[in-house]
Amino acid sequence: MTDTTTASRERIVSAVKSVLAQVLDYELPELTEDSRLFDELGLDSTGVFELLMQLEEELATEFDSDNLEMSHFESVRTLADFVVAEQQA
């Protein structure tokens, strides 16, 4: 990864963590890239929609819903990887 890609990914991970805290409406001090969105954090299908909407706003981007898969929501890492790929598309 280039420095630009690394910086961009770190910004995306930070945005994912921030938006997750807003959507779930509680602080997530122990959140890591391995944190599981459904199993550990209690994200639900309604939260997924809100999470995507807020991420689009936070990152000034738009996701192609045709590319979305449930596997993208396994963890902070998989969601960040999806966002990175969407922004490079």
C-alpha atoms as a PDB file:
ATOM      1  CA  MET A   1       0.000   0.000   0.000  1.00  0.00           C
ATOM      2  CA  THR A   2       1.186   3.501  -0.729  1.00  0.00           C
ATOM      3  CA  ASP A   3       1.302   6.144   1.987  1.00  0.00           C
ATOM      4  CA  THR A   4      -1.722   7.817   0.395  1.00  0.00           C
ATOM      5  CA  THR A   5      -3.673   4.565   0.381  1.00  0.00           C
ATOM      6  CA  THR A   6      -2.668   3.860   3.982  1.00  0.00           C
ATOM      7  CA  ALA A   7      -3.711   7.356   5.101  1.00  0.00           C
ATOM      8  CA  SER A   8      -6.972   7.051   3.198  1.00  0.00           C
ATOM      9  CA  ARG A   9      -7.698   3.638   4.743  1.00  0.00           C
ATOM     10  CA  GLU A  10      -6.942   4.957   8.233  1.00  0.00           C
ATOM     11  CA  ARG A  11      -9.371   7.831   7.623  1.00  0.00           C
ATOM     12  CA  ILE A  12     -12.017   5.331   6.479  1.00  0.00           C
ATOM     13  CA  VAL A  13     -11.479   3.070   9.512  1.00  0.00           C
ATOM     14  CA  SER A  14     -11.791   6.119  11.757  1.00  0.00           C
ATOM     15  CA  ALA A  15     -15.017   7.152   9.995  1.00  0.00           C
ATOM     16  CA  VAL A  16     -16.446   3.623  10.305  1.00  0.00           C
ATOM     17  CA  LYS A  17     -15.722   3.601  14.050  1.00  0.00           C
ATOM     18  CA  SER A  18     -17.190   7.075  14.537  1.00  0.00           C
ATOM     19  CA  VAL A  19     -20.353   6.336  12.567  1.00  0.00           C
ATOM     20  CA  LEU A  20     -20.817   2.985  14.314  1.00  0.00           C
ATOM     21  CA  ALA A  21     -20.806   4.755  17.683  1.00  0.00           C
ATOM     22  CA  GLN A  22     -23.459   7.181  16.383  1.00  0.00           C
ATOM     23  CA  VAL A  23     -25.664   4.470  14.875  1.00  0.00           C
ATOM     24  CA  LEU A  24     -25.431   2.182  17.904  1.00  0.00           C
ATOM     25  CA  ASP A  25     -25.784   5.185  20.228  1.00  0.00           C
ATOM     26  CA  TYR A  26     -23.090   4.179  22.682  1.00  0.00           C
ATOM     27  CA  GLU A  27     -19.351   4.616  23.104  1.00  0.00           C
ATOM     28  CA  LEU A  28     -17.120   1.911  21.651  1.00  0.00           C
ATOM     29  CA  PRO A  29     -13.781   2.322  23.444  1.00  0.00           C
ATOM     30  CA  GLU A  30     -12.617  -1.243  22.743  1.00  0.00           C
ATOM     31  CA  LEU A  31     -13.453  -1.150  19.039  1.00  0.00           C
ATOM     32  CA  THR A  32     -10.803  -2.692  16.778  1.00  0.00           C
ATOM     33  CA  GLU A  33     -10.748  -3.685  13.123  1.00  0.00           C
ATOM     34  CA  ASP A  34     -11.563  -7.226  14.245  1.00  0.00           C
ATOM     35  CA  SER A  35     -14.717  -6.162  16.129  1.00  0.00           C
ATOM     36  CA  ARG A  36     -17.670  -8.084  14.715  1.00  0.00           C
ATOM     37  CA  LEU A  37     -20.538  -5.771  13.815  1.00  0.00           C
ATOM     38  CA  PHE A  38     -23.471  -8.116  14.401  1.00  0.00           C
ATOM     39  CA  ASP A  39     -22.082 -10.621  16.914  1.00  0.00           C
ATOM     40  CA  GLU A  40     -20.215  -8.263  19.237  1.00  0.00           C
ATOM     41  CA  LEU A  41     -21.739  -4.843  18.647  1.00  0.00           C
ATOM     42  CA  GLY A  42     -25.377  -5.744  18.084  1.00  0.00           C
ATOM     43  CA  LEU A  43     -25.774  -4.085  14.690  1.00  0.00           C
ATOM     44  CA  ASP A  44     -29.051  -5.057  13.002  1.00  0.00           C
ATOM     45  CA  SER A  45     -30.467  -4.681   9.496  1.00  0.00           C
ATOM     46  CA  THR A  46     -31.939  -1.251  10.263  1.00  0.00           C
ATOM     47  CA  GLY A  47     -28.571  -0.173  11.627  1.00  0.00           C
ATOM     48  CA  VAL A  48     -26.828  -1.342   8.444  1.00  0.00           C
ATOM     49  CA  PHE A  49     -28.924   1.033   6.353  1.00  0.00           C
ATOM     50  CA  GLU A  50     -28.316   3.944   8.721  1.00  0.00           C
ATOM     51  CA  LEU A  51     -24.617   3.097   8.904  1.00  0.00           C
ATOM     52  CA  LEU A  52     -24.270   3.193   5.123  1.00  0.00           C
ATOM     53  CA  MET A  53     -26.189   6.466   4.825  1.00  0.00           C
ATOM     54  CA  GLN A  54     -24.034   8.152   7.459  1.00  0.00           C
ATOM     55  CA  LEU A  55     -20.801   6.753   5.992  1.00  0.00           C
ATOM     56  CA  GLU A  56     -21.749   8.135   2.583  1.00  0.00           C
ATOM     57  CA  GLU A  57     -22.311  11.544   4.162  1.00  0.00           C
ATOM     58  CA  GLU A  58     -19.174  11.410   6.342  1.00  0.00           C
ATOM     59  CA  LEU A  59     -16.920  10.355   3.460  1.00  0.00           C
ATOM     60  CA  ALA A  60     -18.698  12.336   0.722  1.00  0.00           C
ATOM     61  CA  THR A  61     -19.103   9.205  -1.377  1.00  0.00           C
ATOM     62  CA  GLU A  62     -21.866   7.003  -2.712  1.00  0.00           C
ATOM     63  CA  PHE A  63     -21.908   3.223  -2.525  1.00  0.00           C
ATOM     64  CA  ASP A  64     -23.215   1.018  -5.302  1.00  0.00           C
ATOM     65  CA  SER A  65     -25.831  -1.108  -3.546  1.00  0.00           C
ATOM     66  CA  ASP A  66     -25.368  -3.801  -6.217  1.00  0.00           C
ATOM     67  CA  ASN A  67     -21.902  -4.424  -4.771  1.00  0.00           C
ATOM     68  CA  LEU A  68     -23.104  -4.847  -1.184  1.00  0.00           C
ATOM     69  CA  GLU A  69     -22.944  -8.255   0.447  1.00  0.00           C
ATOM     70  CA  MET A  70     -23.565  -9.310   4.027  1.00  0.00           C
ATOM     71  CA  SER A  71     -19.920 -10.383   4.222  1.00  0.00           C
ATOM     72  CA  HIS A  72     -18.962  -6.694   4.057  1.00  0.00           C
ATOM     73  CA  PHE A  73     -20.553  -6.249   7.492  1.00  0.00           C
ATOM     74  CA  GLU A  74     -18.718  -9.019   9.345  1.00  0.00           C
ATOM     75  CA  SER A  75     -16.238  -6.684  11.024  1.00  0.00           C
ATOM     76  CA  VAL A  76     -14.868  -3.162  11.034  1.00  0.00           C
ATOM     77  CA  ARG A  77     -12.073  -4.439   8.756  1.00  0.00           C
ATOM     78  CA  THR A  78     -14.371  -5.978   6.124  1.00  0.00           C
ATOM     79  CA  LEU A  79     -16.523  -2.848   6.041  1.00  0.00           C
ATOM     80  CA  ALA A  80     -13.460  -0.578   5.722  1.00  0.00           C
ATOM     81  CA  ASP A  81     -12.116  -2.817   2.927  1.00  0.00           C
ATOM     82  CA  PHE A  82     -15.449  -2.508   1.093  1.00  0.00           C
ATOM     83  CA  VAL A  83     -15.425   1.305   1.427  1.00  0.00           C
ATOM     84  CA  VAL A  84     -11.817   1.482   0.173  1.00  0.00           C
ATOM     85  CA  ALA A  85     -12.726  -0.668  -2.851  1.00  0.00           C
ATOM     86  CA  GLU A  86     -15.810   1.446  -3.571  1.00  0.00           C
ATOM     87  CA  GLN A  87     -13.798   4.657  -3.505  1.00  0.00           C
ATOM     88  CA  GLN A  88     -11.227   3.194  -5.895  1.00  0.00           C
ATOM     89  CA  ALA A  89     -13.880   1.964  -8.338  1.00  0.00           C
END
